[in-house]
Amino acid sequence: MSEVRRRSRRRDFWQLDVPLVLALAMCATFTVIEVMRAAEGVWRAWIYMFEWPMIGAFCIWMYVRFKREPGGGFARQWRERAARYAQDPAEQADPDLQAWQAYQRRVQDEPDAP
């Protein structure tokens, strides 16, 4: 196995597998606690009793999504979005901001100007 692949698996283990196990353990623990509280008659616990499994399902969904896109699908999307915004700053410049900056330069160049 190549060194890059081994490092990638090790990184996935610490960045994906361990957090998933911790999140699911936390969600399961809190679900059990809220079920016990709901059985005691705490009406608000009914909401949390359903919320924690949904959070756990969301964690599993994110885990699967990150595992399917190993090249950083989210990172690639964000890089493309950032590249679109950074293509030409002159086109995106605010005319009011440019006028204000020109005024500031003129005031700094001419100390007697109002």
PDB file of N, CA and C in Angstrom:
ATOM      1  N   MET A   1       0.852  -1.178   0.000  1.00  0.00           N
ATOM      2  CA  MET A   1       0.000   0.000   0.000  1.00  0.00           C
ATOM      3  C   MET A   1       0.896   1.239   0.000  1.00  0.00           C
ATOM      4  N   SER A   2       0.526   2.212  -0.791  1.00  0.00           N
ATOM      5  CA  SER A   2       1.359   3.400  -0.892  1.00  0.00           C
ATOM      6  C   SER A   2       1.278   4.230   0.388  1.00  0.00           C
ATOM      7  N   GLU A   3       2.292   5.039   0.569  1.00  0.00           N
ATOM      8  CA  GLU A   3       2.372   5.884   1.770  1.00  0.00           C
ATOM      9  C   GLU A   3       1.244   6.917   1.800  1.00  0.00           C
ATOM     10  N   VAL A   4       0.904   7.470   0.634  1.00  0.00           N
ATOM     11  CA  VAL A   4      -0.159   8.474   0.567  1.00  0.00           C
ATOM     12  C   VAL A   4      -1.494   7.855   0.969  1.00  0.00           C
ATOM     13  N   ARG A   5      -1.769   6.651   0.464  1.00  0.00           N
ATOM     14  CA  ARG A   5      -3.033   5.981   0.794  1.00  0.00           C
ATOM     15  C   ARG A   5      -3.089   5.639   2.285  1.00  0.00           C
ATOM     16  N   ARG A   6      -1.958   5.224   2.852  1.00  0.00           N
ATOM     17  CA  ARG A   6      -1.914   4.897   4.275  1.00  0.00           C
ATOM     18  C   ARG A   6      -2.187   6.143   5.115  1.00  0.00           C
ATOM     19  N   ARG A   7      -1.573   7.273   4.720  1.00  0.00           N
ATOM     20  CA  ARG A   7      -1.825   8.523   5.442  1.00  0.00           C
ATOM     21  C   ARG A   7      -3.273   8.959   5.299  1.00  0.00           C
ATOM     22  N   SER A   8      -3.836   8.740   4.109  1.00  0.00           N
ATOM     23  CA  SER A   8      -5.225   9.113   3.886  1.00  0.00           C
ATOM     24  C   SER A   8      -6.157   8.288   4.773  1.00  0.00           C
ATOM     25  N   ARG A   9      -5.886   7.003   4.892  1.00  0.00           N
ATOM     26  CA  ARG A   9      -6.712   6.156   5.760  1.00  0.00           C
ATOM     27  C   ARG A   9      -6.568   6.553   7.221  1.00  0.00           C
ATOM     28  N   ARG A  10      -5.362   6.879   7.625  1.00  0.00           N
ATOM     29  CA  ARG A  10      -5.138   7.297   9.004  1.00  0.00           C
ATOM     30  C   ARG A  10      -5.862   8.614   9.285  1.00  0.00           C
ATOM     31  N   ARG A  11      -5.784   9.532   8.318  1.00  0.00           N
ATOM     32  CA  ARG A  11      -6.478  10.807   8.474  1.00  0.00           C
ATOM     33  C   ARG A  11      -7.988  10.593   8.512  1.00  0.00           C
ATOM     34  N   ASP A  12      -8.511   9.738   7.631  1.00  0.00           N
ATOM     35  CA  ASP A  12      -9.947   9.441   7.646  1.00  0.00           C
ATOM     36  C   ASP A  12     -10.368   8.837   8.973  1.00  0.00           C
ATOM     37  N   PHE A  13      -9.523   7.998   9.526  1.00  0.00           N
ATOM     38  CA  PHE A  13      -9.862   7.373  10.803  1.00  0.00           C
ATOM     39  C   PHE A  13     -10.032   8.433  11.885  1.00  0.00           C
ATOM     40  N   TRP A  14      -9.073   9.361  11.966  1.00  0.00           N
ATOM     41  CA  TRP A  14      -9.130  10.372  13.029  1.00  0.00           C
ATOM     42  C   TRP A  14     -10.117  11.494  12.735  1.00  0.00           C
ATOM     43  N   GLN A  15     -10.349  11.805  11.459  1.00  0.00           N
ATOM     44  CA  GLN A  15     -11.223  12.922  11.134  1.00  0.00           C
ATOM     45  C   GLN A  15     -12.652  12.510  10.820  1.00  0.00           C
ATOM     46  N   LEU A  16     -12.886  11.228  10.501  1.00  0.00           N
ATOM     47  CA  LEU A  16     -14.239  10.789  10.166  1.00  0.00           C
ATOM     48  C   LEU A  16     -14.752   9.689  11.085  1.00  0.00           C
ATOM     49  N   ASP A  17     -13.971   8.631  11.248  1.00  0.00           N
ATOM     50  CA  ASP A  17     -14.458   7.465  11.987  1.00  0.00           C
ATOM     51  C   ASP A  17     -14.608   7.739  13.483  1.00  0.00           C
ATOM     52  N   VAL A  18     -13.579   8.300  14.087  1.00  0.00           N
ATOM     53  CA  VAL A  18     -13.630   8.574  15.531  1.00  0.00           C
ATOM     54  C   VAL A  18     -14.726   9.590  15.868  1.00  0.00           C
ATOM     55  N   PRO A  19     -14.820  10.718  15.146  1.00  0.00           N
ATOM     56  CA  PRO A  19     -15.922  11.639  15.465  1.00  0.00           C
ATOM     57  C   PRO A  19     -17.303  11.024  15.266  1.00  0.00           C
ATOM     58  N   LEU A  20     -17.458  10.143  14.269  1.00  0.00           N
ATOM     59  CA  LEU A  20     -18.755   9.499  14.070  1.00  0.00           C
ATOM     60  C   LEU A  20     -19.107   8.619  15.260  1.00  0.00           C
ATOM     61  N   VAL A  21     -18.163   7.829  15.719  1.00  0.00           N
ATOM     62  CA  VAL A  21     -18.420   6.948  16.864  1.00  0.00           C
ATOM     63  C   VAL A  21     -18.759   7.775  18.102  1.00  0.00           C
ATOM     64  N   LEU A  22     -18.016   8.850  18.335  1.00  0.00           N
ATOM     65  CA  LEU A  22     -18.294   9.698  19.493  1.00  0.00           C
ATOM     66  C   LEU A  22     -19.661  10.368  19.387  1.00  0.00           C
ATOM     67  N   ALA A  23     -19.992  10.861  18.191  1.00  0.00           N
ATOM     68  CA  ALA A  23     -21.289  11.531  18.003  1.00  0.00           C
ATOM     69  C   ALA A  23     -22.437  10.546  18.178  1.00  0.00           C
ATOM     70  N   LEU A  24     -22.295   9.336  17.635  1.00  0.00           N
ATOM     71  CA  LEU A  24     -23.368   8.349  17.779  1.00  0.00           C
ATOM     72  C   LEU A  24     -23.505   7.877  19.224  1.00  0.00           C
ATOM     73  N   ALA A  25     -22.391   7.747  19.931  1.00  0.00           N
ATOM     74  CA  ALA A  25     -22.469   7.385  21.344  1.00  0.00           C
ATOM     75  C   ALA A  25     -23.159   8.484  22.142  1.00  0.00           C
ATOM     76  N   MET A  26     -22.835   9.707  21.843  1.00  0.00           N
ATOM     77  CA  MET A  26     -23.471  10.830  22.520  1.00  0.00           C
ATOM     78  C   MET A  26     -24.966  10.877  22.212  1.00  0.00           C
ATOM     79  N   CYS A  27     -25.331  10.704  20.944  1.00  0.00           N
ATOM     80  CA  CYS A  27     -26.748  10.735  20.565  1.00  0.00           C
ATOM     81  C   CYS A  27     -27.517   9.590  21.216  1.00  0.00           C
ATOM     82  N   ALA A  28     -26.926   8.400  21.266  1.00  0.00           N
ATOM     83  CA  ALA A  28     -27.604   7.262  21.890  1.00  0.00           C
ATOM     84  C   ALA A  28     -27.781   7.500  23.387  1.00  0.00           C
ATOM     85  N   THR A  29     -26.752   8.026  24.036  1.00  0.00           N
ATOM     86  CA  THR A  29     -26.836   8.306  25.472  1.00  0.00           C
ATOM     87  C   THR A  29     -27.913   9.332  25.773  1.00  0.00           C
ATOM     88  N   PHE A  30     -27.911  10.412  25.018  1.00  0.00           N
ATOM     89  CA  PHE A  30     -28.906  11.456  25.261  1.00  0.00           C
ATOM     90  C   PHE A  30     -30.316  10.995  24.913  1.00  0.00           C
ATOM     91  N   THR A  31     -30.445  10.126  23.924  1.00  0.00           N
ATOM     92  CA  THR A  31     -31.767   9.586  23.597  1.00  0.00           C
ATOM     93  C   THR A  31     -32.304   8.764  24.765  1.00  0.00           C
ATOM     94  N   VAL A  32     -31.465   7.918  25.343  1.00  0.00           N
ATOM     95  CA  VAL A  32     -31.893   7.100  26.483  1.00  0.00           C
ATOM     96  C   VAL A  32     -32.268   8.002  27.665  1.00  0.00           C
ATOM     97  N   ILE A  33     -31.465   9.013  27.913  1.00  0.00           N
ATOM     98  CA  ILE A  33     -31.768   9.939  29.017  1.00  0.00           C
ATOM     99  C   ILE A  33     -33.109  10.625  28.783  1.00  0.00           C
ATOM    100  N   GLU A  34     -33.348  11.070  27.548  1.00  0.00           N
ATOM    101  CA  GLU A  34     -34.599  11.763  27.272  1.00  0.00           C
ATOM    102  C   GLU A  34     -35.796  10.821  27.301  1.00  0.00           C
ATOM    103  N   VAL A  35     -35.622   9.563  26.931  1.00  0.00           N
ATOM    104  CA  VAL A  35     -36.712   8.583  27.049  1.00  0.00           C
ATOM    105  C   VAL A  35     -37.073   8.396  28.513  1.00  0.00           C
ATOM    106  N   MET A  36     -36.056   8.309  29.373  1.00  0.00           N
ATOM    107  CA  MET A  36     -36.330   8.155  30.808  1.00  0.00           C
ATOM    108  C   MET A  36     -37.016   9.401  31.361  1.00  0.00           C
ATOM    109  N   ARG A  37     -36.583  10.578  30.923  1.00  0.00           N
ATOM    110  CA  ARG A  37     -37.231  11.807  31.395  1.00  0.00           C
ATOM    111  C   ARG A  37     -38.671  11.900  30.895  1.00  0.00           C
ATOM    112  N   ALA A  38     -38.913  11.471  29.646  1.00  0.00           N
ATOM    113  CA  ALA A  38     -40.272  11.500  29.105  1.00  0.00           C
ATOM    114  C   ALA A  38     -41.167  10.529  29.876  1.00  0.00           C
ATOM    115  N   ALA A  39     -40.601   9.401  30.285  1.00  0.00           N
ATOM    116  CA  ALA A  39     -41.376   8.435  31.072  1.00  0.00           C
ATOM    117  C   ALA A  39     -41.715   8.992  32.448  1.00  0.00           C
ATOM    118  N   GLU A  40     -40.896   9.904  32.945  1.00  0.00           N
ATOM    119  CA  GLU A  40     -41.170  10.535  34.241  1.00  0.00           C
ATOM    120  C   GLU A  40     -42.207  11.641  34.130  1.00  0.00           C
ATOM    121  N   GLY A  41     -42.566  12.012  32.916  1.00  0.00           N
ATOM    122  CA  GLY A  41     -43.602  13.005  32.744  1.00  0.00           C
ATOM    123  C   GLY A  41     -43.125  14.382  32.322  1.00  0.00           C
ATOM    124  N   VAL A  42     -41.869  14.524  31.971  1.00  0.00           N
ATOM    125  CA  VAL A  42     -41.355  15.814  31.492  1.00  0.00           C
ATOM    126  C   VAL A  42     -41.772  15.952  30.029  1.00  0.00           C
ATOM    127  N   TRP A  43     -42.716  16.856  29.773  1.00  0.00           N
ATOM    128  CA  TRP A  43     -43.299  16.935  28.433  1.00  0.00           C
ATOM    129  C   TRP A  43     -42.300  17.399  27.383  1.00  0.00           C
ATOM    130  N   ARG A  44     -41.346  18.237  27.755  1.00  0.00           N
ATOM    131  CA  ARG A  44     -40.366  18.740  26.799  1.00  0.00           C
ATOM    132  C   ARG A  44     -39.392  17.647  26.355  1.00  0.00           C
ATOM    133  N   ALA A  45     -39.242  16.618  27.151  1.00  0.00           N
ATOM    134  CA  ALA A  45     -38.316  15.535  26.815  1.00  0.00           C
ATOM    135  C   ALA A  45     -38.779  14.758  25.588  1.00  0.00           C
ATOM    136  N   TRP A  46     -40.087  14.813  25.293  1.00  0.00           N
ATOM    137  CA  TRP A  46     -40.588  14.112  24.110  1.00  0.00           C
ATOM    138  C   TRP A  46     -39.964  14.680  22.840  1.00  0.00           C
ATOM    139  N   ILE A  47     -39.772  15.972  22.806  1.00  0.00           N
ATOM    140  CA  ILE A  47     -39.160  16.592  21.628  1.00  0.00           C
ATOM    141  C   ILE A  47     -37.719  16.129  21.484  1.00  0.00           C
ATOM    142  N   TYR A  48     -36.979  16.180  22.580  1.00  0.00           N
ATOM    143  CA  TYR A  48     -35.572  15.780  22.537  1.00  0.00           C
ATOM    144  C   TYR A  48     -35.417  14.288  22.274  1.00  0.00           C
ATOM    145  N   MET A  49     -36.405  13.519  22.678  1.00  0.00           N
ATOM    146  CA  MET A  49     -36.360  12.077  22.464  1.00  0.00           C
ATOM    147  C   MET A  49     -36.333  11.769  20.962  1.00  0.00           C
ATOM    148  N   PHE A  50     -36.947  12.618  20.159  1.00  0.00           N
ATOM    149  CA  PHE A  50     -36.920  12.429  18.710  1.00  0.00           C
ATOM    150  C   PHE A  50     -35.808  13.236  18.049  1.00  0.00           C
ATOM    151  N   GLU A  51     -35.350  14.271  18.712  1.00  0.00           N
ATOM    152  CA  GLU A  51     -34.320  15.114  18.119  1.00  0.00           C
ATOM    153  C   GLU A  51     -32.964  14.407  18.066  1.00  0.00           C
ATOM    154  N   TRP A  52     -32.563  13.747  19.142  1.00  0.00           N
ATOM    155  CA  TRP A  52     -31.243  13.124  19.190  1.00  0.00           C
ATOM    156  C   TRP A  52     -31.055  12.028  18.148  1.00  0.00           C
ATOM    157  N   PRO A  53     -32.043  11.157  17.906  1.00  0.00           N
ATOM    158  CA  PRO A  53     -31.845  10.190  16.806  1.00  0.00           C
ATOM    159  C   PRO A  53     -31.741  10.870  15.438  1.00  0.00           C
ATOM    160  N   MET A  54     -32.445  11.981  15.253  1.00  0.00           N
ATOM    161  CA  MET A  54     -32.328  12.702  13.985  1.00  0.00           C
ATOM    162  C   MET A  54     -30.930  13.295  13.828  1.00  0.00           C
ATOM    163  N   ILE A  55     -30.360  13.789  14.902  1.00  0.00           N
ATOM    164  CA  ILE A  55     -28.980  14.298  14.842  1.00  0.00           C
ATOM    165  C   ILE A  55     -28.021  13.162  14.525  1.00  0.00           C
ATOM    166  N   GLY A  56     -28.239  11.995  15.114  1.00  0.00           N
ATOM    167  CA  GLY A  56     -27.414  10.824  14.809  1.00  0.00           C
ATOM    168  C   GLY A  56     -27.535  10.416  13.348  1.00  0.00           C
ATOM    169  N   ALA A  57     -28.758  10.462  12.804  1.00  0.00           N
ATOM    170  CA  ALA A  57     -28.954  10.128  11.391  1.00  0.00           C
ATOM    171  C   ALA A  57     -28.243  11.147  10.499  1.00  0.00           C
ATOM    172  N   PHE A  58     -28.272  12.412  10.896  1.00  0.00           N
ATOM    173  CA  PHE A  58     -27.558  13.436  10.139  1.00  0.00           C
ATOM    174  C   PHE A  58     -26.053  13.173  10.164  1.00  0.00           C
ATOM    175  N   CYS A  59     -25.522  12.760  11.304  1.00  0.00           N
ATOM    176  CA  CYS A  59     -24.087  12.437  11.401  1.00  0.00           C
ATOM    177  C   CYS A  59     -23.733  11.286  10.464  1.00  0.00           C
ATOM    178  N   ILE A  60     -24.581  10.267  10.411  1.00  0.00           N
ATOM    179  CA  ILE A  60     -24.330   9.137   9.516  1.00  0.00           C
ATOM    180  C   ILE A  60     -24.382   9.601   8.064  1.00  0.00           C
ATOM    181  N   TRP A  61     -25.357  10.445   7.731  1.00  0.00           N
ATOM    182  CA  TRP A  61     -25.474  10.952   6.365  1.00  0.00           C
ATOM    183  C   TRP A  61     -24.219  11.731   5.967  1.00  0.00           C
ATOM    184  N   MET A  62     -23.726  12.585   6.862  1.00  0.00           N
ATOM    185  CA  MET A  62     -22.519  13.353   6.559  1.00  0.00           C
ATOM    186  C   MET A  62     -21.304  12.440   6.416  1.00  0.00           C
ATOM    187  N   TYR A  63     -21.217  11.421   7.266  1.00  0.00           N
ATOM    188  CA  TYR A  63     -20.113  10.464   7.191  1.00  0.00           C
ATOM    189  C   TYR A  63     -20.099   9.775   5.825  1.00  0.00           C
ATOM    190  N   VAL A  64     -21.261   9.303   5.396  1.00  0.00           N
ATOM    191  CA  VAL A  64     -21.350   8.624   4.102  1.00  0.00           C
ATOM    192  C   VAL A  64     -21.007   9.586   2.977  1.00  0.00           C
ATOM    193  N   ARG A  65     -21.470  10.804   3.090  1.00  0.00           N
ATOM    194  CA  ARG A  65     -21.199  11.787   2.041  1.00  0.00           C
ATOM    195  C   ARG A  65     -19.699  12.095   1.946  1.00  0.00           C
ATOM    196  N   PHE A  66     -19.035  12.255   3.076  1.00  0.00           N
ATOM    197  CA  PHE A  66     -17.598  12.519   3.051  1.00  0.00           C
ATOM    198  C   PHE A  66     -16.820  11.308   2.559  1.00  0.00           C
ATOM    199  N   LYS A  67     -17.268  10.101   2.890  1.00  0.00           N
ATOM    200  CA  LYS A  67     -16.576   8.894   2.435  1.00  0.00           C
ATOM    201  C   LYS A  67     -16.719   8.698   0.927  1.00  0.00           C
ATOM    202  N   ARG A  68     -17.875   9.076   0.365  1.00  0.00           N
ATOM    203  CA  ARG A  68     -18.085   8.898  -1.074  1.00  0.00           C
ATOM    204  C   ARG A  68     -17.290   9.883  -1.897  1.00  0.00           C
ATOM    205  N   GLU A  69     -16.999  11.048  -1.369  1.00  0.00           N
ATOM    206  CA  GLU A  69     -16.262  12.068  -2.108  1.00  0.00           C
ATOM    207  C   GLU A  69     -14.888  12.253  -1.468  1.00  0.00           C
ATOM    208  N   PRO A  70     -13.986  11.290  -1.687  1.00  0.00           N
ATOM    209  CA  PRO A  70     -12.698  11.347  -0.998  1.00  0.00           C
ATOM    210  C   PRO A  70     -11.817  12.498  -1.440  1.00  0.00           C
ATOM    211  N   GLY A  71     -12.049  13.055  -2.619  1.00  0.00           N
ATOM    212  CA  GLY A  71     -11.208  14.142  -3.105  1.00  0.00           C
ATOM    213  C   GLY A  71     -11.590  15.484  -2.524  1.00  0.00           C
ATOM    214  N   GLY A  72     -12.444  15.489  -1.531  1.00  0.00           N
ATOM    215  CA  GLY A  72     -12.860  16.752  -0.955  1.00  0.00           C
ATOM    216  C   GLY A  72     -13.907  17.421  -1.814  1.00  0.00           C
ATOM    217  N   GLY A  73     -15.021  16.755  -2.019  1.00  0.00           N
ATOM    218  CA  GLY A  73     -16.078  17.305  -2.850  1.00  0.00           C
ATOM    219  C   GLY A  73     -16.543  18.664  -2.358  1.00  0.00           C
ATOM    220  N   PHE A  74     -16.687  18.789  -1.045  1.00  0.00           N
ATOM    221  CA  PHE A  74     -17.105  20.064  -0.486  1.00  0.00           C
ATOM    222  C   PHE A  74     -16.018  21.110  -0.677  1.00  0.00           C
ATOM    223  N   ALA A  75     -14.775  20.707  -0.462  1.00  0.00           N
ATOM    224  CA  ALA A  75     -13.662  21.651  -0.611  1.00  0.00           C
ATOM    225  C   ALA A  75     -13.569  22.126  -2.061  1.00  0.00           C
ATOM    226  N   ARG A  76     -13.770  21.208  -3.005  1.00  0.00           N
ATOM    227  CA  ARG A  76     -13.714  21.583  -4.412  1.00  0.00           C
ATOM    228  C   ARG A  76     -14.817  22.588  -4.745  1.00  0.00           C
ATOM    229  N   GLN A  77     -16.018  22.349  -4.234  1.00  0.00           N
ATOM    230  CA  GLN A  77     -17.118  23.276  -4.483  1.00  0.00           C
ATOM    231  C   GLN A  77     -16.808  24.659  -3.919  1.00  0.00           C
ATOM    232  N   TRP A  78     -16.242  24.703  -2.710  1.00  0.00           N
ATOM    233  CA  TRP A  78     -15.933  25.997  -2.098  1.00  0.00           C
ATOM    234  C   TRP A  78     -14.810  26.696  -2.850  1.00  0.00           C
ATOM    235  N   ARG A  79     -13.817  25.938  -3.341  1.00  0.00           N
ATOM    236  CA  ARG A  79     -12.742  26.556  -4.124  1.00  0.00           C
ATOM    237  C   ARG A  79     -13.288  27.151  -5.418  1.00  0.00           C
ATOM    238  N   GLU A  80     -14.211  26.432  -6.069  1.00  0.00           N
ATOM    239  CA  GLU A  80     -14.809  26.955  -7.295  1.00  0.00           C
ATOM    240  C   GLU A  80     -15.619  28.213  -7.011  1.00  0.00           C
ATOM    241  N   ARG A  81     -16.352  28.205  -5.927  1.00  0.00           N
ATOM    242  CA  ARG A  81     -17.148  29.380  -5.568  1.00  0.00           C
ATOM    243  C   ARG A  81     -16.237  30.570  -5.248  1.00  0.00           C
ATOM    244  N   ALA A  82     -15.167  30.320  -4.504  1.00  0.00           N
ATOM    245  CA  ALA A  82     -14.237  31.400  -4.165  1.00  0.00           C
ATOM    246  C   ALA A  82     -13.553  31.929  -5.421  1.00  0.00           C
ATOM    247  N   ALA A  83     -13.245  31.049  -6.366  1.00  0.00           N
ATOM    248  CA  ALA A  83     -12.606  31.488  -7.607  1.00  0.00           C
ATOM    249  C   ALA A  83     -13.539  32.378  -8.414  1.00  0.00           C
ATOM    250  N   ARG A  84     -14.829  32.073  -8.400  1.00  0.00           N
ATOM    251  CA  ARG A  84     -15.788  32.928  -9.117  1.00  0.00           C
ATOM    252  C   ARG A  84     -15.816  34.332  -8.543  1.00  0.00           C
ATOM    253  N   TYR A  85     -15.761  34.434  -7.218  1.00  0.00           N
ATOM    254  CA  TYR A  85     -15.820  35.748  -6.588  1.00  0.00           C
ATOM    255  C   TYR A  85     -14.513  36.510  -6.703  1.00  0.00           C
ATOM    256  N   ALA A  86     -13.413  35.801  -6.863  1.00  0.00           N
ATOM    257  CA  ALA A  86     -12.112  36.459  -6.896  1.00  0.00           C
ATOM    258  C   ALA A  86     -11.588  36.660  -8.314  1.00  0.00           C
ATOM    259  N   GLN A  87     -12.398  36.395  -9.323  1.00  0.00           N
ATOM    260  CA  GLN A  87     -11.914  36.495 -10.694  1.00  0.00           C
ATOM    261  C   GLN A  87     -11.451  37.908 -11.048  1.00  0.00           C
ATOM    262  N   ASP A  88     -12.331  38.875 -10.911  1.00  0.00           N
ATOM    263  CA  ASP A  88     -11.966  40.235 -11.277  1.00  0.00           C
ATOM    264  C   ASP A  88     -12.528  41.196 -10.234  1.00  0.00           C
ATOM    265  N   PRO A  89     -11.704  41.609  -9.300  1.00  0.00           N
ATOM    266  CA  PRO A  89     -12.208  42.489  -8.252  1.00  0.00           C
ATOM    267  C   PRO A  89     -12.678  43.840  -8.786  1.00  0.00           C
ATOM    268  N   ALA A  90     -12.163  44.282  -9.944  1.00  0.00           N
ATOM    269  CA  ALA A  90     -12.577  45.573 -10.479  1.00  0.00           C
ATOM    270  C   ALA A  90     -14.045  45.551 -10.893  1.00  0.00           C
ATOM    271  N   GLU A  91     -14.512  44.397 -11.399  1.00  0.00           N
ATOM    272  CA  GLU A  91     -15.909  44.296 -11.802  1.00  0.00           C
ATOM    273  C   GLU A  91     -16.841  44.284 -10.592  1.00  0.00           C
ATOM    274  N   GLN A  92     -16.355  43.756  -9.490  1.00  0.00           N
ATOM    275  CA  GLN A  92     -17.193  43.630  -8.309  1.00  0.00           C
ATOM    276  C   GLN A  92     -17.046  44.803  -7.352  1.00  0.00           C
ATOM    277  N   ALA A  93     -16.177  45.742  -7.679  1.00  0.00           N
ATOM    278  CA  ALA A  93     -15.928  46.856  -6.775  1.00  0.00           C
ATOM    279  C   ALA A  93     -17.171  47.743  -6.668  1.00  0.00           C
ATOM    280  N   ASP A  94     -17.377  48.249  -5.505  1.00  0.00           N
ATOM    281  CA  ASP A  94     -18.506  49.133  -5.233  1.00  0.00           C
ATOM    282  C   ASP A  94     -18.136  50.551  -5.676  1.00  0.00           C
ATOM    283  N   PRO A  95     -18.937  51.188  -6.526  1.00  0.00           N
ATOM    284  CA  PRO A  95     -18.584  52.546  -6.987  1.00  0.00           C
ATOM    285  C   PRO A  95     -18.556  53.559  -5.846  1.00  0.00           C
ATOM    286  N   ASP A  96     -19.425  53.394  -4.868  1.00  0.00           N
ATOM    287  CA  ASP A  96     -19.401  54.310  -3.726  1.00  0.00           C
ATOM    288  C   ASP A  96     -18.110  54.154  -2.934  1.00  0.00           C
ATOM    289  N   LEU A  97     -17.658  52.905  -2.795  1.00  0.00           N
ATOM    290  CA  LEU A  97     -16.406  52.666  -2.086  1.00  0.00           C
ATOM    291  C   LEU A  97     -15.239  53.277  -2.844  1.00  0.00           C
ATOM    292  N   GLN A  98     -15.239  53.126  -4.151  1.00  0.00           N
ATOM    293  CA  GLN A  98     -14.162  53.717  -4.948  1.00  0.00           C
ATOM    294  C   GLN A  98     -14.164  55.236  -4.837  1.00  0.00           C
ATOM    295  N   ALA A  99     -15.343  55.842  -4.844  1.00  0.00           N
ATOM    296  CA  ALA A  99     -15.427  57.296  -4.704  1.00  0.00           C
ATOM    297  C   ALA A  99     -14.912  57.720  -3.334  1.00  0.00           C
ATOM    298  N   TRP A 100     -15.255  56.975  -2.283  1.00  0.00           N
ATOM    299  CA  TRP A 100     -14.790  57.293  -0.935  1.00  0.00           C
ATOM    300  C   TRP A 100     -13.280  57.164  -0.843  1.00  0.00           C
ATOM    301  N   GLN A 101     -12.726  56.124  -1.433  1.00  0.00           N
ATOM    302  CA  GLN A 101     -11.276  55.936  -1.403  1.00  0.00           C
ATOM    303  C   GLN A 101     -10.566  57.040  -2.181  1.00  0.00           C
ATOM    304  N   ALA A 102     -11.126  57.449  -3.307  1.00  0.00           N
ATOM    305  CA  ALA A 102     -10.538  58.558  -4.070  1.00  0.00           C
ATOM    306  C   ALA A 102     -10.568  59.839  -3.239  1.00  0.00           C
ATOM    307  N   TYR A 103     -11.669  60.093  -2.549  1.00  0.00           N
ATOM    308  CA  TYR A 103     -11.782  61.268  -1.679  1.00  0.00           C
ATOM    309  C   TYR A 103     -10.727  61.212  -0.575  1.00  0.00           C
ATOM    310  N   GLN A 104     -10.541  60.045   0.036  1.00  0.00           N
ATOM    311  CA  GLN A 104      -9.536  59.914   1.097  1.00  0.00           C
ATOM    312  C   GLN A 104      -8.134  60.167   0.569  1.00  0.00           C
ATOM    313  N   ARG A 105      -7.829  59.649  -0.623  1.00  0.00           N
ATOM    314  CA  ARG A 105      -6.499  59.895  -1.201  1.00  0.00           C
ATOM    315  C   ARG A 105      -6.288  61.385  -1.473  1.00  0.00           C
ATOM    316  N   ARG A 106      -7.335  62.048  -1.980  1.00  0.00           N
ATOM    317  CA  ARG A 106      -7.236  63.476  -2.266  1.00  0.00           C
ATOM    318  C   ARG A 106      -7.024  64.268  -0.977  1.00  0.00           C
ATOM    319  N   VAL A 107      -7.729  63.908   0.076  1.00  0.00           N
ATOM    320  CA  VAL A 107      -7.569  64.610   1.371  1.00  0.00           C
ATOM    321  C   VAL A 107      -6.177  64.367   1.933  1.00  0.00           C
ATOM    322  N   GLN A 108      -5.661  63.167   1.796  1.00  0.00           N
ATOM    323  CA  GLN A 108      -4.327  62.883   2.316  1.00  0.00           C
ATOM    324  C   GLN A 108      -3.238  63.599   1.506  1.00  0.00           C
ATOM    325  N   ASP A 109      -3.469  63.725   0.189  1.00  0.00           N
ATOM    326  CA  ASP A 109      -2.481  64.412  -0.642  1.00  0.00           C
ATOM    327  C   ASP A 109      -2.496  65.926  -0.445  1.00  0.00           C
ATOM    328  N   GLU A 110      -3.667  66.476  -0.179  1.00  0.00           N
ATOM    329  CA  GLU A 110      -3.809  67.917   0.029  1.00  0.00           C
ATOM    330  C   GLU A 110      -4.223  68.178   1.477  1.00  0.00           C
ATOM    331  N   PRO A 111      -3.293  68.492   2.337  1.00  0.00           N
ATOM    332  CA  PRO A 111      -3.636  68.674   3.746  1.00  0.00           C
ATOM    333  C   PRO A 111      -4.576  69.855   4.005  1.00  0.00           C
ATOM    334  N   ASP A 112      -4.636  70.827   3.088  1.00  0.00           N
ATOM    335  CA  ASP A 112      -5.505  71.984   3.284  1.00  0.00           C
ATOM    336  C   ASP A 112      -6.931  71.746   2.773  1.00  0.00           C
ATOM    337  N   ALA A 113      -7.172  70.635   2.112  1.00  0.00           N
ATOM    338  CA  ALA A 113      -8.493  70.358   1.565  1.00  0.00           C
ATOM    339  C   ALA A 113      -9.468  70.045   2.693  1.00  0.00           C
ATOM    340  N   PRO A 114     -10.762  70.372   2.481  1.00  0.00           N
ATOM    341  CA  PRO A 114     -11.762  70.134   3.542  1.00  0.00           C
ATOM    342  C   PRO A 114     -12.027  68.665   3.760  1.00  0.00           C
TER     343      PRO A 114
END
